[in-house]
Amino acid sequence: MTTRDRRHDVTPADTWARHETKAGLLAASEARLEFILGHPGFSDWLKNAIRTALSREPLAVLNDLELLDQALRPRCEIQLGVSPGPPNRP
């Protein structure tokens, strides 16, 4: 079976479920962001980073997140006396 043949095996219900899942994930993400932005316990640094990220291209945000993780995680782990490990990966 070729890739083209497999595409025809996808039903409209499958397509709807995939979009519904994406919509649900996006809604959950938006709710988390709003919670963080409205909560007094989170830092201004984090809130400003979120506000800035929301106005940027998603790929640029992902690249910046990766760089922050690689640059800051080992530093913070060393300062806390934790053995530095690899960055978290999904």
N, C-alpha and C. Protein backbone atom coordinates (compact mmCIF):
# COMPACT_ATOMS: atom_id res chain seq x y z
N MET A 1 0.86 -1.18 0.00
CA MET A 1 0.00 0.00 0.00
C MET A 1 0.90 1.24 0.00
N THR A 2 0.61 2.19 -0.85
CA THR A 2 1.41 3.41 -0.93
C THR A 2 0.86 4.46 0.02
N THR A 3 1.63 5.52 0.20
CA THR A 3 1.18 6.63 1.05
C THR A 3 -0.12 7.20 0.52
N ARG A 4 -0.22 7.30 -0.79
CA ARG A 4 -1.43 7.84 -1.40
C ARG A 4 -2.64 6.98 -1.07
N ASP A 5 -2.48 5.64 -1.12
CA ASP A 5 -3.58 4.74 -0.79
C ASP A 5 -3.99 4.90 0.67
N ARG A 6 -3.04 5.05 1.55
CA ARG A 6 -3.35 5.18 2.98
C ARG A 6 -4.13 6.46 3.26
N ARG A 7 -3.87 7.52 2.51
CA ARG A 7 -4.60 8.76 2.73
C ARG A 7 -6.09 8.58 2.51
N HIS A 8 -6.45 7.71 1.61
CA HIS A 8 -7.87 7.49 1.31
C HIS A 8 -8.55 6.64 2.37
N ASP A 9 -7.78 6.01 3.26
CA ASP A 9 -8.35 5.23 4.34
C ASP A 9 -8.84 6.10 5.49
N VAL A 10 -8.48 7.38 5.48
CA VAL A 10 -8.88 8.29 6.55
C VAL A 10 -10.32 8.73 6.30
N THR A 11 -11.15 8.53 7.30
CA THR A 11 -12.55 8.88 7.16
C THR A 11 -12.80 10.31 7.60
N PRO A 12 -13.91 10.90 7.22
CA PRO A 12 -14.24 12.24 7.71
C PRO A 12 -14.30 12.30 9.24
N ALA A 13 -14.73 11.22 9.86
CA ALA A 13 -14.77 11.19 11.33
C ALA A 13 -13.36 11.27 11.90
N ASP A 14 -12.40 10.59 11.26
CA ASP A 14 -11.00 10.67 11.71
C ASP A 14 -10.49 12.09 11.59
N THR A 15 -10.79 12.74 10.49
CA THR A 15 -10.35 14.11 10.27
C THR A 15 -10.97 15.03 11.32
N TRP A 16 -12.24 14.87 11.60
CA TRP A 16 -12.91 15.70 12.60
C TRP A 16 -12.30 15.48 13.98
N ALA A 17 -12.03 14.22 14.33
CA ALA A 17 -11.45 13.91 15.64
C ALA A 17 -10.08 14.56 15.78
N ARG A 18 -9.28 14.53 14.72
CA ARG A 18 -7.95 15.12 14.78
C ARG A 18 -8.06 16.63 15.00
N HIS A 19 -8.98 17.29 14.30
CA HIS A 19 -9.15 18.73 14.47
C HIS A 19 -9.74 19.05 15.84
N GLU A 20 -10.64 18.22 16.31
CA GLU A 20 -11.23 18.44 17.62
C GLU A 20 -10.15 18.32 18.70
N THR A 21 -9.26 17.35 18.53
CA THR A 21 -8.18 17.19 19.49
C THR A 21 -7.26 18.40 19.46
N LYS A 22 -6.91 18.88 18.27
CA LYS A 22 -6.07 20.06 18.15
C LYS A 22 -6.76 21.27 18.77
N ALA A 23 -8.05 21.42 18.52
CA ALA A 23 -8.79 22.54 19.09
C ALA A 23 -8.83 22.43 20.61
N GLY A 24 -9.00 21.23 21.12
CA GLY A 24 -9.02 21.02 22.56
C GLY A 24 -7.68 21.32 23.20
N LEU A 25 -6.61 20.89 22.53
CA LEU A 25 -5.26 21.16 23.04
C LEU A 25 -4.97 22.65 23.04
N LEU A 26 -5.38 23.33 21.97
CA LEU A 26 -5.17 24.77 21.89
C LEU A 26 -5.96 25.49 22.98
N ALA A 27 -7.19 25.09 23.19
CA ALA A 27 -8.02 25.71 24.23
C ALA A 27 -7.41 25.48 25.61
N ALA A 28 -6.91 24.29 25.87
CA ALA A 28 -6.28 24.00 27.16
C ALA A 28 -5.03 24.85 27.35
N SER A 29 -4.25 25.00 26.28
CA SER A 29 -3.04 25.83 26.34
C SER A 29 -3.41 27.28 26.62
N GLU A 30 -4.41 27.79 25.93
CA GLU A 30 -4.85 29.17 26.15
C GLU A 30 -5.32 29.37 27.58
N ALA A 31 -6.04 28.39 28.13
CA ALA A 31 -6.52 28.48 29.51
C ALA A 31 -5.35 28.52 30.49
N ARG A 32 -4.32 27.69 30.25
CA ARG A 32 -3.14 27.70 31.12
C ARG A 32 -2.43 29.05 31.07
N LEU A 33 -2.29 29.58 29.86
CA LEU A 33 -1.61 30.86 29.71
C LEU A 33 -2.38 31.97 30.43
N GLU A 34 -3.68 31.99 30.28
CA GLU A 34 -4.50 33.00 30.97
C GLU A 34 -4.39 32.85 32.48
N PHE A 35 -4.34 31.61 32.96
CA PHE A 35 -4.20 31.38 34.40
C PHE A 35 -2.88 31.96 34.90
N ILE A 36 -1.80 31.65 34.19
CA ILE A 36 -0.48 32.15 34.59
C ILE A 36 -0.46 33.67 34.56
N LEU A 37 -0.97 34.26 33.47
CA LEU A 37 -0.95 35.72 33.33
C LEU A 37 -1.77 36.42 34.41
N GLY A 38 -2.82 35.78 34.87
CA GLY A 38 -3.68 36.40 35.88
C GLY A 38 -3.32 36.07 37.31
N HIS A 39 -2.40 35.15 37.52
CA HIS A 39 -2.07 34.70 38.88
C HIS A 39 -0.98 35.58 39.50
N PRO A 40 -1.20 36.08 40.70
CA PRO A 40 -0.20 36.96 41.32
C PRO A 40 1.07 36.23 41.77
N GLY A 41 1.03 34.91 41.84
CA GLY A 41 2.17 34.16 42.33
C GLY A 41 3.25 33.89 41.30
N PHE A 42 2.96 34.13 40.04
CA PHE A 42 3.96 33.89 38.99
C PHE A 42 4.74 35.17 38.73
N SER A 43 6.00 34.99 38.36
CA SER A 43 6.91 36.14 38.21
C SER A 43 6.54 37.03 37.03
N ASP A 44 6.90 38.30 37.18
CA ASP A 44 6.72 39.24 36.07
C ASP A 44 7.56 38.82 34.88
N TRP A 45 8.73 38.24 35.15
CA TRP A 45 9.61 37.77 34.07
C TRP A 45 8.89 36.75 33.20
N LEU A 46 8.24 35.77 33.85
CA LEU A 46 7.50 34.75 33.12
C LEU A 46 6.33 35.35 32.36
N LYS A 47 5.57 36.22 33.01
CA LYS A 47 4.41 36.84 32.37
C LYS A 47 4.83 37.68 31.16
N ASN A 48 5.92 38.43 31.30
CA ASN A 48 6.40 39.22 30.16
C ASN A 48 6.87 38.32 29.02
N ALA A 49 7.52 37.22 29.36
CA ALA A 49 7.97 36.27 28.33
C ALA A 49 6.77 35.69 27.59
N ILE A 50 5.73 35.36 28.31
CA ILE A 50 4.52 34.81 27.67
C ILE A 50 3.88 35.85 26.76
N ARG A 51 3.71 37.06 27.27
CA ARG A 51 3.10 38.12 26.45
C ARG A 51 3.90 38.35 25.17
N THR A 52 5.20 38.38 25.29
CA THR A 52 6.06 38.58 24.12
C THR A 52 5.94 37.39 23.17
N ALA A 53 5.94 36.19 23.72
CA ALA A 53 5.87 34.98 22.89
C ALA A 53 4.57 34.92 22.09
N LEU A 54 3.48 35.39 22.69
CA LEU A 54 2.18 35.32 22.02
C LEU A 54 2.13 36.17 20.75
N SER A 55 3.01 37.16 20.65
CA SER A 55 3.00 38.02 19.46
C SER A 55 4.04 37.59 18.43
N ARG A 56 4.74 36.50 18.69
CA ARG A 56 5.80 36.04 17.79
C ARG A 56 5.37 34.82 17.00
N GLU A 57 6.14 34.50 15.99
CA GLU A 57 5.89 33.30 15.18
C GLU A 57 6.15 32.06 16.05
N PRO A 58 5.31 31.03 15.95
CA PRO A 58 5.47 29.84 16.78
C PRO A 58 6.85 29.17 16.64
N LEU A 59 7.40 29.11 15.45
CA LEU A 59 8.70 28.47 15.29
C LEU A 59 9.79 29.26 16.02
N ALA A 60 9.73 30.57 15.99
CA ALA A 60 10.70 31.39 16.71
C ALA A 60 10.58 31.16 18.22
N VAL A 61 9.36 31.02 18.71
CA VAL A 61 9.14 30.77 20.13
C VAL A 61 9.72 29.41 20.52
N LEU A 62 9.46 28.39 19.71
CA LEU A 62 10.00 27.07 20.00
C LEU A 62 11.52 27.08 20.01
N ASN A 63 12.13 27.77 19.07
CA ASN A 63 13.59 27.87 19.03
C ASN A 63 14.11 28.56 20.29
N ASP A 64 13.47 29.64 20.70
CA ASP A 64 13.89 30.35 21.90
C ASP A 64 13.72 29.49 23.16
N LEU A 65 12.61 28.74 23.22
CA LEU A 65 12.40 27.85 24.36
C LEU A 65 13.52 26.81 24.45
N GLU A 66 13.91 26.26 23.33
CA GLU A 66 14.99 25.27 23.30
C GLU A 66 16.30 25.89 23.77
N LEU A 67 16.60 27.10 23.29
CA LEU A 67 17.83 27.77 23.69
C LEU A 67 17.83 28.09 25.19
N LEU A 68 16.72 28.58 25.70
CA LEU A 68 16.62 28.86 27.13
C LEU A 68 16.85 27.60 27.96
N ASP A 69 16.22 26.52 27.53
CA ASP A 69 16.36 25.26 28.25
C ASP A 69 17.81 24.79 28.26
N GLN A 70 18.46 24.84 27.10
CA GLN A 70 19.84 24.38 27.01
C GLN A 70 20.80 25.29 27.77
N ALA A 71 20.52 26.58 27.80
CA ALA A 71 21.43 27.52 28.44
C ALA A 71 21.20 27.63 29.95
N LEU A 72 19.95 27.64 30.37
CA LEU A 72 19.66 27.91 31.78
C LEU A 72 19.53 26.67 32.65
N ARG A 73 19.02 25.57 32.09
CA ARG A 73 18.80 24.37 32.91
C ARG A 73 20.10 23.88 33.58
N PRO A 74 21.20 23.69 32.82
CA PRO A 74 22.42 23.21 33.48
C PRO A 74 22.93 24.18 34.54
N ARG A 75 22.85 25.46 34.26
CA ARG A 75 23.31 26.48 35.22
C ARG A 75 22.51 26.39 36.51
N CYS A 76 21.19 26.34 36.39
CA CYS A 76 20.34 26.27 37.57
C CYS A 76 20.54 24.96 38.33
N GLU A 77 20.67 23.85 37.60
CA GLU A 77 20.87 22.56 38.25
C GLU A 77 22.19 22.55 39.03
N ILE A 78 23.24 23.12 38.45
CA ILE A 78 24.52 23.18 39.15
C ILE A 78 24.40 24.05 40.40
N GLN A 79 23.74 25.20 40.28
CA GLN A 79 23.57 26.09 41.42
C GLN A 79 22.76 25.43 42.54
N LEU A 80 21.85 24.55 42.16
CA LEU A 80 21.03 23.85 43.15
C LEU A 80 21.69 22.58 43.67
N GLY A 81 22.84 22.23 43.11
CA GLY A 81 23.54 21.02 43.53
C GLY A 81 22.95 19.76 42.95
N VAL A 82 22.24 19.88 41.85
CA VAL A 82 21.65 18.74 41.17
C VAL A 82 22.54 18.39 39.99
N SER A 83 22.72 17.10 39.75
CA SER A 83 23.53 16.70 38.60
C SER A 83 22.83 17.13 37.33
N PRO A 84 23.51 17.91 36.49
CA PRO A 84 22.88 18.34 35.24
C PRO A 84 22.57 17.14 34.36
N GLY A 85 21.41 17.15 33.79
CA GLY A 85 20.99 16.10 32.88
C GLY A 85 20.65 16.70 31.54
N PRO A 86 20.25 15.84 30.62
CA PRO A 86 19.87 16.35 29.30
C PRO A 86 18.59 17.17 29.41
N PRO A 87 18.40 18.11 28.48
CA PRO A 87 17.15 18.88 28.50
C PRO A 87 15.95 17.95 28.39
N ASN A 88 14.84 18.38 28.98
CA ASN A 88 13.60 17.59 28.87
C ASN A 88 13.17 17.51 27.42
N ARG A 89 12.78 16.37 27.03
CA ARG A 89 12.28 16.16 25.67
C ARG A 89 10.91 15.50 25.77
N PRO A 90 9.97 15.93 24.92
CA PRO A 90 8.65 15.30 24.95
C PRO A 90 8.71 13.86 24.50
